[in-house]
Amino acid sequence: MGPRPKPVRGNHPNQVKNEDDGLRINEEITAPQVRLVGDNIPEQGIYSLAQAKKLADELELDLVEITAKADPPVCKILDYQKYLYQQKKKAKEMKSNSAKIVIKEIRFGPNTDEHDFQFKLKHAREFLSSGDKVKASVFFKGRSIVYAEQGEKLLLRFAVELEDVARAEQMPKLEGKRMIMMMAPIKKK
């Protein structure tokens, strides 16, 4: 089996363009000397570019410049397509493992009675214990905006009732006909 053809960027539908990954491979590498690292080479160290390419050809793999800013640039001999696949897989895995922040909204009126307040407080506790943020808001309809102070007291009482499981990220703030306050769960150690 002869040397395998080198990938030509942009000609293959699955090929990633150089601007996307920032890596140079094979013929794109221009430095006269490179530092070879990796498991599949006989000895790690500084090689001339021609020697490094020859080693890559013998192993039927690609010479990939990993760190271009080093002097000399650091290169690895590996299967470039497999490397791209693993990088995409790793990025996808990291994205799926990242915490997804969910914001649950609890709405009050300026004259919410005690039973409704306790009912909504119970739901907010459940949301916060499951790791979600809570956006508490008081909606003022029509002329009820004159009770803005009452709405602020209601939200502050809500924050005080939840201080064992949450912290206020944003204090009550009037935005148009709504007064909003954000609560975030306290991280347990």
C-alpha atoms as a PDB file:
ATOM      1  CA  MET A   1       0.000   0.000   0.000  1.00  0.00           C
ATOM      2  CA  GLY A   2       1.518   3.321  -1.078  1.00  0.00           C
ATOM      3  CA  PRO A   3       1.437   6.645   0.713  1.00  0.00           C
ATOM      4  CA  ARG A   4      -2.063   7.843   1.241  1.00  0.00           C
ATOM      5  CA  PRO A   5      -3.140  11.024  -0.535  1.00  0.00           C
ATOM      6  CA  LYS A   6      -2.976  14.134   1.591  1.00  0.00           C
ATOM      7  CA  PRO A   7      -6.282  15.864   2.309  1.00  0.00           C
ATOM      8  CA  VAL A   8      -6.923  18.927   0.191  1.00  0.00           C
ATOM      9  CA  ARG A   9      -8.873  21.538   2.112  1.00  0.00           C
ATOM     10  CA  GLY A  10     -12.205  22.633   0.785  1.00  0.00           C
ATOM     11  CA  ASN A  11     -12.595  19.921  -1.912  1.00  0.00           C
ATOM     12  CA  HIS A  12     -14.275  17.299   0.249  1.00  0.00           C
ATOM     13  CA  PRO A  13     -17.787  17.970   1.636  1.00  0.00           C
ATOM     14  CA  ASN A  14     -16.783  16.883   5.171  1.00  0.00           C
ATOM     15  CA  GLN A  15     -13.531  18.832   5.080  1.00  0.00           C
ATOM     16  CA  VAL A  16     -13.270  21.704   7.547  1.00  0.00           C
ATOM     17  CA  LYS A  17     -11.802  24.958   6.304  1.00  0.00           C
ATOM     18  CA  ASN A  18      -8.514  26.182   7.816  1.00  0.00           C
ATOM     19  CA  GLU A  19     -10.166  29.360   9.181  1.00  0.00           C
ATOM     20  CA  ASP A  20     -12.483  27.250  11.378  1.00  0.00           C
ATOM     21  CA  ASP A  21      -9.915  25.183  13.252  1.00  0.00           C
ATOM     22  CA  GLY A  22      -6.810  27.396  12.914  1.00  0.00           C
ATOM     23  CA  LEU A  23      -4.525  24.385  12.370  1.00  0.00           C
ATOM     24  CA  ARG A  24      -2.129  23.888   9.484  1.00  0.00           C
ATOM     25  CA  ILE A  25      -1.517  20.430   8.100  1.00  0.00           C
ATOM     26  CA  ASN A  26       1.065  18.836   5.809  1.00  0.00           C
ATOM     27  CA  GLU A  27       1.949  21.244   2.966  1.00  0.00           C
ATOM     28  CA  GLU A  28       0.516  24.288   4.783  1.00  0.00           C
ATOM     29  CA  ILE A  29       3.270  24.152   7.418  1.00  0.00           C
ATOM     30  CA  THR A  30       6.048  26.575   6.429  1.00  0.00           C
ATOM     31  CA  ALA A  31       8.502  26.535   9.353  1.00  0.00           C
ATOM     32  CA  PRO A  32      11.942  25.060   8.491  1.00  0.00           C
ATOM     33  CA  GLN A  33      12.012  23.053  11.738  1.00  0.00           C
ATOM     34  CA  VAL A  34       9.261  21.601  13.924  1.00  0.00           C
ATOM     35  CA  ARG A  35       9.088  20.032  17.381  1.00  0.00           C
ATOM     36  CA  LEU A  36       7.428  16.621  17.083  1.00  0.00           C
ATOM     37  CA  VAL A  37       5.438  15.296  20.039  1.00  0.00           C
ATOM     38  CA  GLY A  38       3.132  12.322  20.453  1.00  0.00           C
ATOM     39  CA  ASP A  39       3.124   8.583  21.053  1.00  0.00           C
ATOM     40  CA  ASN A  40       3.528   7.303  17.497  1.00  0.00           C
ATOM     41  CA  ILE A  41       7.012   8.750  16.775  1.00  0.00           C
ATOM     42  CA  PRO A  42      10.315   7.046  17.605  1.00  0.00           C
ATOM     43  CA  GLU A  43      11.783  10.009  19.490  1.00  0.00           C
ATOM     44  CA  GLN A  44      10.260  13.355  20.457  1.00  0.00           C
ATOM     45  CA  GLY A  45      12.338  16.362  19.558  1.00  0.00           C
ATOM     46  CA  ILE A  46      13.163  18.908  16.878  1.00  0.00           C
ATOM     47  CA  TYR A  47      13.080  17.670  13.275  1.00  0.00           C
ATOM     48  CA  SER A  48      13.465  19.388   9.947  1.00  0.00           C
ATOM     49  CA  LEU A  49      10.157  19.862   8.143  1.00  0.00           C
ATOM     50  CA  ALA A  50      11.191  17.358   5.460  1.00  0.00           C
ATOM     51  CA  GLN A  51      12.010  14.677   8.083  1.00  0.00           C
ATOM     52  CA  ALA A  52       8.701  15.273   9.869  1.00  0.00           C
ATOM     53  CA  LYS A  53       6.735  14.985   6.611  1.00  0.00           C
ATOM     54  CA  LYS A  54       8.626  11.810   5.729  1.00  0.00           C
ATOM     55  CA  LEU A  55       7.789  10.277   9.113  1.00  0.00           C
ATOM     56  CA  ALA A  56       4.119  11.200   8.621  1.00  0.00           C
ATOM     57  CA  ASP A  57       4.149   9.600   5.134  1.00  0.00           C
ATOM     58  CA  GLU A  58       5.705   6.402   6.502  1.00  0.00           C
ATOM     59  CA  LEU A  59       2.970   6.169   9.137  1.00  0.00           C
ATOM     60  CA  GLU A  60       0.319   7.111   6.524  1.00  0.00           C
ATOM     61  CA  LEU A  61      -0.872   9.935   8.750  1.00  0.00           C
ATOM     62  CA  ASP A  62      -0.940  13.738   8.634  1.00  0.00           C
ATOM     63  CA  LEU A  63       1.533  16.222  10.086  1.00  0.00           C
ATOM     64  CA  VAL A  64      -0.570  18.699  12.101  1.00  0.00           C
ATOM     65  CA  GLU A  65       0.752  21.948  13.571  1.00  0.00           C
ATOM     66  CA  ILE A  66      -0.706  22.069  17.098  1.00  0.00           C
ATOM     67  CA  THR A  67       0.986  25.213  18.441  1.00  0.00           C
ATOM     68  CA  ALA A  68       2.123  27.681  15.793  1.00  0.00           C
ATOM     69  CA  LYS A  69       3.350  30.360  18.240  1.00  0.00           C
ATOM     70  CA  ALA A  70       6.087  28.171  19.764  1.00  0.00           C
ATOM     71  CA  ASP A  71       9.628  28.349  18.413  1.00  0.00           C
ATOM     72  CA  PRO A  72       9.876  25.938  16.618  1.00  0.00           C
ATOM     73  CA  PRO A  73       6.156  25.171  16.083  1.00  0.00           C
ATOM     74  CA  VAL A  74       4.839  22.057  17.861  1.00  0.00           C
ATOM     75  CA  CYS A  75       3.491  19.347  15.548  1.00  0.00           C
ATOM     76  CA  LYS A  76       1.901  15.931  15.950  1.00  0.00           C
ATOM     77  CA  ILE A  77       1.584  13.074  13.537  1.00  0.00           C
ATOM     78  CA  LEU A  78      -2.024  11.900  13.556  1.00  0.00           C
ATOM     79  CA  ASP A  79      -5.095  11.132  11.448  1.00  0.00           C
ATOM     80  CA  TYR A  80      -6.445  14.647  10.863  1.00  0.00           C
ATOM     81  CA  GLN A  81     -10.043  13.613  10.107  1.00  0.00           C
ATOM     82  CA  LYS A  82     -10.157  11.491  13.258  1.00  0.00           C
ATOM     83  CA  TYR A  83      -8.693  14.415  15.233  1.00  0.00           C
ATOM     84  CA  LEU A  84     -11.394  16.794  13.930  1.00  0.00           C
ATOM     85  CA  TYR A  85     -14.085  14.249  14.785  1.00  0.00           C
ATOM     86  CA  GLN A  86     -12.764  13.874  18.341  1.00  0.00           C
ATOM     87  CA  GLN A  87     -12.588  17.675  18.795  1.00  0.00           C
ATOM     88  CA  LYS A  88     -16.227  18.059  17.657  1.00  0.00           C
ATOM     89  CA  LYS A  89     -17.283  15.189  19.910  1.00  0.00           C
ATOM     90  CA  LYS A  90     -15.458  16.734  22.898  1.00  0.00           C
ATOM     91  CA  ALA A  91     -17.026  20.166  22.248  1.00  0.00           C
ATOM     92  CA  LYS A  92     -20.496  18.607  21.984  1.00  0.00           C
ATOM     93  CA  GLU A  93     -19.958  16.688  25.230  1.00  0.00           C
ATOM     94  CA  MET A  94     -18.794  19.820  27.056  1.00  0.00           C
ATOM     95  CA  LYS A  95     -21.851  21.690  25.782  1.00  0.00           C
ATOM     96  CA  SER A  96     -24.215  18.974  26.989  1.00  0.00           C
ATOM     97  CA  ASN A  97     -22.513  18.881  30.410  1.00  0.00           C
ATOM     98  CA  SER A  98     -22.761  22.626  30.901  1.00  0.00           C
ATOM     99  CA  ALA A  99     -25.454  23.714  33.322  1.00  0.00           C
ATOM    100  CA  LYS A 100     -28.614  24.899  31.675  1.00  0.00           C
ATOM    101  CA  ILE A 101     -30.150  27.782  33.575  1.00  0.00           C
ATOM    102  CA  VAL A 102     -33.927  27.688  33.745  1.00  0.00           C
ATOM    103  CA  ILE A 103     -35.841  30.721  34.919  1.00  0.00           C
ATOM    104  CA  LYS A 104     -39.293  30.122  36.395  1.00  0.00           C
ATOM    105  CA  GLU A 105     -41.607  33.098  36.776  1.00  0.00           C
ATOM    106  CA  ILE A 106     -43.980  33.657  39.659  1.00  0.00           C
ATOM    107  CA  ARG A 107     -46.496  36.460  39.219  1.00  0.00           C
ATOM    108  CA  PHE A 108     -48.256  38.407  41.930  1.00  0.00           C
ATOM    109  CA  GLY A 109     -50.832  41.162  41.968  1.00  0.00           C
ATOM    110  CA  PRO A 110     -50.251  44.175  44.228  1.00  0.00           C
ATOM    111  CA  ASN A 111     -53.037  42.951  46.552  1.00  0.00           C
ATOM    112  CA  THR A 112     -52.192  39.216  46.664  1.00  0.00           C
ATOM    113  CA  ASP A 113     -53.793  37.637  49.748  1.00  0.00           C
ATOM    114  CA  GLU A 114     -51.921  35.483  52.300  1.00  0.00           C
ATOM    115  CA  HIS A 115     -53.080  32.083  51.004  1.00  0.00           C
ATOM    116  CA  ASP A 116     -51.976  32.863  47.427  1.00  0.00           C
ATOM    117  CA  PHE A 117     -48.672  34.241  48.711  1.00  0.00           C
ATOM    118  CA  GLN A 118     -47.967  31.012  50.679  1.00  0.00           C
ATOM    119  CA  PHE A 119     -48.998  28.876  47.679  1.00  0.00           C
ATOM    120  CA  LYS A 120     -46.602  30.729  45.363  1.00  0.00           C
ATOM    121  CA  LEU A 121     -43.880  30.683  48.022  1.00  0.00           C
ATOM    122  CA  LYS A 122     -44.150  26.869  48.164  1.00  0.00           C
ATOM    123  CA  HIS A 123     -43.750  26.629  44.377  1.00  0.00           C
ATOM    124  CA  ALA A 124     -40.763  28.988  44.430  1.00  0.00           C
ATOM    125  CA  ARG A 125     -39.101  26.760  47.059  1.00  0.00           C
ATOM    126  CA  GLU A 126     -39.580  23.729  44.790  1.00  0.00           C
ATOM    127  CA  PHE A 127     -38.120  25.567  41.788  1.00  0.00           C
ATOM    128  CA  LEU A 128     -35.119  26.810  43.771  1.00  0.00           C
ATOM    129  CA  SER A 129     -34.424  23.390  45.316  1.00  0.00           C
ATOM    130  CA  SER A 130     -34.313  21.867  41.822  1.00  0.00           C
ATOM    131  CA  GLY A 131     -31.667  24.450  40.826  1.00  0.00           C
ATOM    132  CA  ASP A 132     -33.836  26.830  38.797  1.00  0.00           C
ATOM    133  CA  LYS A 133     -33.791  30.605  39.142  1.00  0.00           C
ATOM    134  CA  VAL A 134     -37.015  32.363  40.085  1.00  0.00           C
ATOM    135  CA  LYS A 135     -38.220  35.633  38.608  1.00  0.00           C
ATOM    136  CA  ALA A 136     -40.843  37.092  40.916  1.00  0.00           C
ATOM    137  CA  SER A 137     -42.949  39.872  39.461  1.00  0.00           C
ATOM    138  CA  VAL A 138     -45.837  42.038  40.517  1.00  0.00           C
ATOM    139  CA  PHE A 139     -48.028  43.099  37.603  1.00  0.00           C
ATOM    140  CA  PHE A 140     -49.901  46.372  37.965  1.00  0.00           C
ATOM    141  CA  LYS A 141     -53.109  46.605  35.907  1.00  0.00           C
ATOM    142  CA  GLY A 142     -54.687  49.942  35.133  1.00  0.00           C
ATOM    143  CA  ARG A 143     -54.534  52.368  38.054  1.00  0.00           C
ATOM    144  CA  SER A 144     -53.129  49.760  40.468  1.00  0.00           C
ATOM    145  CA  ILE A 145     -49.686  51.296  39.747  1.00  0.00           C
ATOM    146  CA  VAL A 146     -50.458  53.592  42.700  1.00  0.00           C
ATOM    147  CA  TYR A 147     -49.764  50.484  44.870  1.00  0.00           C
ATOM    148  CA  ALA A 148     -46.149  50.221  43.663  1.00  0.00           C
ATOM    149  CA  GLU A 149     -44.865  50.549  47.224  1.00  0.00           C
ATOM    150  CA  GLN A 150     -47.124  47.687  48.315  1.00  0.00           C
ATOM    151  CA  GLY A 151     -45.787  45.548  45.453  1.00  0.00           C
ATOM    152  CA  GLU A 152     -42.210  46.273  46.509  1.00  0.00           C
ATOM    153  CA  LYS A 153     -42.996  45.243  50.110  1.00  0.00           C
ATOM    154  CA  LEU A 154     -44.537  42.016  48.800  1.00  0.00           C
ATOM    155  CA  LEU A 155     -41.402  41.148  46.795  1.00  0.00           C
ATOM    156  CA  LEU A 156     -39.069  41.991  49.679  1.00  0.00           C
ATOM    157  CA  ARG A 157     -41.138  39.770  52.000  1.00  0.00           C
ATOM    158  CA  PHE A 158     -40.896  37.029  49.343  1.00  0.00           C
ATOM    159  CA  ALA A 159     -37.076  37.378  49.357  1.00  0.00           C
ATOM    160  CA  VAL A 160     -36.919  37.264  53.173  1.00  0.00           C
ATOM    161  CA  GLU A 161     -39.101  34.118  53.274  1.00  0.00           C
ATOM    162  CA  LEU A 162     -36.760  32.389  50.804  1.00  0.00           C
ATOM    163  CA  GLU A 163     -33.418  33.559  52.231  1.00  0.00           C
ATOM    164  CA  ASP A 164     -32.618  30.027  53.525  1.00  0.00           C
ATOM    165  CA  VAL A 165     -32.699  28.554  49.986  1.00  0.00           C
ATOM    166  CA  ALA A 166     -32.040  31.558  47.714  1.00  0.00           C
ATOM    167  CA  ARG A 167     -30.317  34.885  47.380  1.00  0.00           C
ATOM    168  CA  ALA A 168     -31.675  37.933  45.598  1.00  0.00           C
ATOM    169  CA  GLU A 169     -29.693  38.548  42.400  1.00  0.00           C
ATOM    170  CA  GLN A 170     -31.638  41.697  41.640  1.00  0.00           C
ATOM    171  CA  MET A 171     -33.663  43.748  44.084  1.00  0.00           C
ATOM    172  CA  PRO A 172     -37.218  44.826  43.112  1.00  0.00           C
ATOM    173  CA  LYS A 173     -37.119  47.121  40.103  1.00  0.00           C
ATOM    174  CA  LEU A 174     -40.061  48.760  38.342  1.00  0.00           C
ATOM    175  CA  GLU A 175     -40.097  48.200  34.566  1.00  0.00           C
ATOM    176  CA  GLY A 176     -43.167  49.733  32.994  1.00  0.00           C
ATOM    177  CA  LYS A 177     -46.192  48.162  34.706  1.00  0.00           C
ATOM    178  CA  ARG A 178     -44.173  45.312  36.252  1.00  0.00           C
ATOM    179  CA  MET A 179     -41.939  45.171  39.282  1.00  0.00           C
ATOM    180  CA  ILE A 180     -39.355  42.389  38.922  1.00  0.00           C
ATOM    181  CA  MET A 181     -36.953  40.654  41.307  1.00  0.00           C
ATOM    182  CA  MET A 182     -34.574  37.761  40.465  1.00  0.00           C
ATOM    183  CA  MET A 183     -33.756  34.977  42.939  1.00  0.00           C
ATOM    184  CA  ALA A 184     -30.967  32.419  42.478  1.00  0.00           C
ATOM    185  CA  PRO A 185     -30.596  29.167  44.442  1.00  0.00           C
ATOM    186  CA  ILE A 186     -27.850  29.006  47.047  1.00  0.00           C
ATOM    187  CA  LYS A 187     -25.224  26.438  46.052  1.00  0.00           C
ATOM    188  CA  LYS A 188     -24.975  23.628  48.567  1.00  0.00           C
ATOM    189  CA  LYS A 189     -21.438  22.552  49.507  1.00  0.00           C
END
